[in-house]
Amino acid sequence: MKKPKNFEDGLARLELILEKENTPLNESLKLYSEAAELVAYCNATLDAAQLQIEEIDAKLQPGAAQEELS
């Protein structure tokens, strides 16, 4: 599988895969494998975004500036 350019591209490709119907078994197996990789990629991207949000929120907490100065 070619790595998506970004989360949105990965999610769009995953949606296309999930919409496919009446595919032969061999193609279904390839699509399943690609979908599993896309899910992992999207989850990792969301996890990284969540970590960034938590870091930003932590900096905005009262007293965070004091802790950084210490």
N, C-alpha and C. Protein backbone atom coordinates (compact mmCIF):
# COMPACT_ATOMS: atom_id res chain seq x y z
N MET A 1 0.84 -1.18 0.00
CA MET A 1 0.00 0.00 0.00
C MET A 1 0.88 1.24 0.00
N LYS A 2 0.53 2.19 -0.83
CA LYS A 2 1.21 3.47 -0.84
C LYS A 2 0.67 4.30 0.32
N LYS A 3 1.57 4.85 1.12
CA LYS A 3 1.17 5.64 2.29
C LYS A 3 0.40 6.87 1.83
N PRO A 4 -0.75 7.14 2.46
CA PRO A 4 -1.52 8.33 2.08
C PRO A 4 -0.73 9.61 2.34
N LYS A 5 -1.06 10.66 1.60
CA LYS A 5 -0.40 11.95 1.80
C LYS A 5 -0.75 12.55 3.15
N ASN A 6 -1.99 12.29 3.59
CA ASN A 6 -2.43 12.84 4.86
C ASN A 6 -3.63 12.03 5.37
N PHE A 7 -4.10 12.41 6.55
CA PHE A 7 -5.21 11.69 7.18
C PHE A 7 -6.45 11.68 6.29
N GLU A 8 -6.77 12.82 5.72
CA GLU A 8 -7.98 12.93 4.91
C GLU A 8 -7.94 12.01 3.70
N ASP A 9 -6.78 11.91 3.04
CA ASP A 9 -6.64 11.00 1.90
C ASP A 9 -6.78 9.54 2.34
N GLY A 10 -6.20 9.22 3.48
CA GLY A 10 -6.30 7.86 4.00
C GLY A 10 -7.73 7.49 4.32
N LEU A 11 -8.43 8.40 4.95
CA LEU A 11 -9.82 8.15 5.32
C LEU A 11 -10.70 8.04 4.07
N ALA A 12 -10.45 8.88 3.07
CA ALA A 12 -11.22 8.83 1.83
C ALA A 12 -11.02 7.49 1.12
N ARG A 13 -9.77 7.02 1.09
CA ARG A 13 -9.49 5.73 0.45
C ARG A 13 -10.17 4.60 1.22
N LEU A 14 -10.13 4.67 2.52
CA LEU A 14 -10.79 3.66 3.36
C LEU A 14 -12.29 3.63 3.09
N GLU A 15 -12.89 4.79 2.97
CA GLU A 15 -14.32 4.86 2.67
C GLU A 15 -14.64 4.23 1.31
N LEU A 16 -13.78 4.47 0.32
CA LEU A 16 -13.98 3.86 -1.00
C LEU A 16 -13.92 2.34 -0.92
N ILE A 17 -12.98 1.84 -0.15
CA ILE A 17 -12.83 0.38 0.00
C ILE A 17 -14.08 -0.19 0.66
N LEU A 18 -14.57 0.48 1.70
CA LEU A 18 -15.72 -0.04 2.42
C LEU A 18 -17.01 0.00 1.61
N GLU A 19 -17.05 0.86 0.60
CA GLU A 19 -18.24 0.97 -0.24
C GLU A 19 -18.29 -0.07 -1.36
N LYS A 20 -17.16 -0.72 -1.63
CA LYS A 20 -17.11 -1.70 -2.73
C LYS A 20 -17.98 -2.91 -2.40
N GLU A 21 -18.69 -3.36 -3.43
CA GLU A 21 -19.54 -4.54 -3.28
C GLU A 21 -19.23 -5.53 -4.40
N ASN A 22 -19.58 -6.76 -4.15
CA ASN A 22 -19.47 -7.82 -5.16
C ASN A 22 -18.09 -7.93 -5.79
N THR A 23 -17.06 -7.93 -4.94
CA THR A 23 -15.70 -8.07 -5.45
C THR A 23 -15.28 -9.54 -5.33
N PRO A 24 -14.47 -10.01 -6.28
CA PRO A 24 -13.98 -11.39 -6.20
C PRO A 24 -13.13 -11.58 -4.93
N LEU A 25 -13.02 -12.82 -4.52
CA LEU A 25 -12.32 -13.14 -3.28
C LEU A 25 -10.89 -12.59 -3.26
N ASN A 26 -10.13 -12.80 -4.34
CA ASN A 26 -8.74 -12.33 -4.36
C ASN A 26 -8.66 -10.82 -4.16
N GLU A 27 -9.53 -10.08 -4.84
CA GLU A 27 -9.53 -8.63 -4.69
C GLU A 27 -9.99 -8.24 -3.29
N SER A 28 -10.96 -8.97 -2.76
CA SER A 28 -11.45 -8.69 -1.40
C SER A 28 -10.33 -8.84 -0.38
N LEU A 29 -9.50 -9.84 -0.54
CA LEU A 29 -8.38 -10.05 0.38
C LEU A 29 -7.38 -8.91 0.28
N LYS A 30 -7.09 -8.45 -0.93
CA LYS A 30 -6.17 -7.32 -1.11
C LYS A 30 -6.77 -6.06 -0.49
N LEU A 31 -8.05 -5.85 -0.71
CA LEU A 31 -8.71 -4.67 -0.16
C LEU A 31 -8.75 -4.72 1.37
N TYR A 32 -8.97 -5.92 1.91
CA TYR A 32 -8.98 -6.08 3.37
C TYR A 32 -7.61 -5.71 3.95
N SER A 33 -6.56 -6.18 3.30
CA SER A 33 -5.21 -5.88 3.75
C SER A 33 -4.93 -4.38 3.69
N GLU A 34 -5.32 -3.76 2.58
CA GLU A 34 -5.12 -2.32 2.43
C GLU A 34 -5.93 -1.56 3.48
N ALA A 35 -7.17 -1.98 3.70
CA ALA A 35 -8.01 -1.32 4.68
C ALA A 35 -7.40 -1.42 6.09
N ALA A 36 -6.87 -2.58 6.43
CA ALA A 36 -6.25 -2.75 7.75
C ALA A 36 -5.07 -1.80 7.92
N GLU A 37 -4.27 -1.64 6.87
CA GLU A 37 -3.14 -0.72 6.92
C GLU A 37 -3.62 0.73 7.02
N LEU A 38 -4.68 1.06 6.30
CA LEU A 38 -5.23 2.42 6.38
C LEU A 38 -5.79 2.72 7.76
N VAL A 39 -6.45 1.76 8.37
CA VAL A 39 -6.97 1.95 9.73
C VAL A 39 -5.81 2.20 10.69
N ALA A 40 -4.75 1.44 10.57
CA ALA A 40 -3.59 1.63 11.44
C ALA A 40 -2.97 3.01 11.22
N TYR A 41 -2.85 3.42 9.96
CA TYR A 41 -2.30 4.74 9.64
C TYR A 41 -3.17 5.84 10.23
N CYS A 42 -4.48 5.75 10.02
CA CYS A 42 -5.40 6.78 10.52
C CYS A 42 -5.39 6.83 12.04
N ASN A 43 -5.36 5.67 12.69
CA ASN A 43 -5.31 5.64 14.16
C ASN A 43 -4.03 6.28 14.68
N ALA A 44 -2.90 5.97 14.03
CA ALA A 44 -1.62 6.55 14.46
C ALA A 44 -1.63 8.07 14.27
N THR A 45 -2.22 8.52 13.17
CA THR A 45 -2.31 9.96 12.90
C THR A 45 -3.18 10.64 13.94
N LEU A 46 -4.31 10.03 14.29
CA LEU A 46 -5.19 10.59 15.32
C LEU A 46 -4.52 10.59 16.68
N ASP A 47 -3.78 9.53 17.00
CA ASP A 47 -3.06 9.47 18.27
C ASP A 47 -2.03 10.60 18.37
N ALA A 48 -1.32 10.86 17.27
CA ALA A 48 -0.33 11.93 17.26
C ALA A 48 -1.00 13.29 17.43
N ALA A 49 -2.14 13.47 16.78
CA ALA A 49 -2.88 14.73 16.92
C ALA A 49 -3.37 14.90 18.35
N GLN A 50 -3.85 13.83 18.96
CA GLN A 50 -4.33 13.90 20.34
C GLN A 50 -3.19 14.29 21.28
N LEU A 51 -2.02 13.73 21.05
CA LEU A 51 -0.86 14.06 21.88
C LEU A 51 -0.51 15.54 21.74
N GLN A 52 -0.56 16.06 20.52
CA GLN A 52 -0.28 17.48 20.31
C GLN A 52 -1.30 18.35 21.04
N ILE A 53 -2.55 17.97 20.99
CA ILE A 53 -3.61 18.73 21.69
C ILE A 53 -3.37 18.71 23.19
N GLU A 54 -3.01 17.56 23.72
CA GLU A 54 -2.75 17.44 25.16
C GLU A 54 -1.56 18.30 25.57
N GLU A 55 -0.52 18.35 24.71
CA GLU A 55 0.64 19.19 25.01
C GLU A 55 0.27 20.67 24.99
N ILE A 56 -0.55 21.07 24.02
CA ILE A 56 -1.00 22.46 23.96
C ILE A 56 -1.84 22.80 25.19
N ASP A 57 -2.77 21.91 25.53
CA ASP A 57 -3.62 22.14 26.70
C ASP A 57 -2.78 22.24 27.97
N ALA A 58 -1.76 21.41 28.08
CA ALA A 58 -0.92 21.43 29.28
C ALA A 58 -0.19 22.76 29.40
N LYS A 59 0.21 23.33 28.27
CA LYS A 59 0.89 24.63 28.30
C LYS A 59 -0.05 25.75 28.68
N LEU A 60 -1.34 25.56 28.42
CA LEU A 60 -2.33 26.59 28.72
C LEU A 60 -2.85 26.52 30.14
N GLN A 61 -2.51 25.47 30.85
CA GLN A 61 -2.98 25.31 32.23
C GLN A 61 -2.37 26.39 33.11
N PRO A 62 -3.14 26.92 34.06
CA PRO A 62 -2.57 27.90 35.00
C PRO A 62 -1.36 27.30 35.72
N GLY A 63 -0.31 28.08 35.80
CA GLY A 63 0.89 27.60 36.45
C GLY A 63 1.86 26.89 35.54
N ALA A 64 1.46 26.61 34.31
CA ALA A 64 2.36 25.91 33.38
C ALA A 64 3.57 26.77 33.05
N ALA A 65 3.35 28.07 32.93
CA ALA A 65 4.47 28.97 32.65
C ALA A 65 5.47 28.97 33.80
N GLN A 66 4.97 28.90 35.02
CA GLN A 66 5.84 28.86 36.19
C GLN A 66 6.69 27.60 36.20
N GLU A 67 6.07 26.49 35.84
CA GLU A 67 6.80 25.22 35.83
C GLU A 67 7.89 25.23 34.77
N GLU A 68 7.63 25.85 33.61
CA GLU A 68 8.63 25.92 32.56
C GLU A 68 9.83 26.78 32.98
N LEU A 69 9.58 27.80 33.79
CA LEU A 69 10.65 28.67 34.23
C LEU A 69 11.52 27.99 35.29
N SER A 70 10.96 27.04 36.00
CA SER A 70 11.70 26.38 37.08
C SER A 70 12.76 25.46 36.56
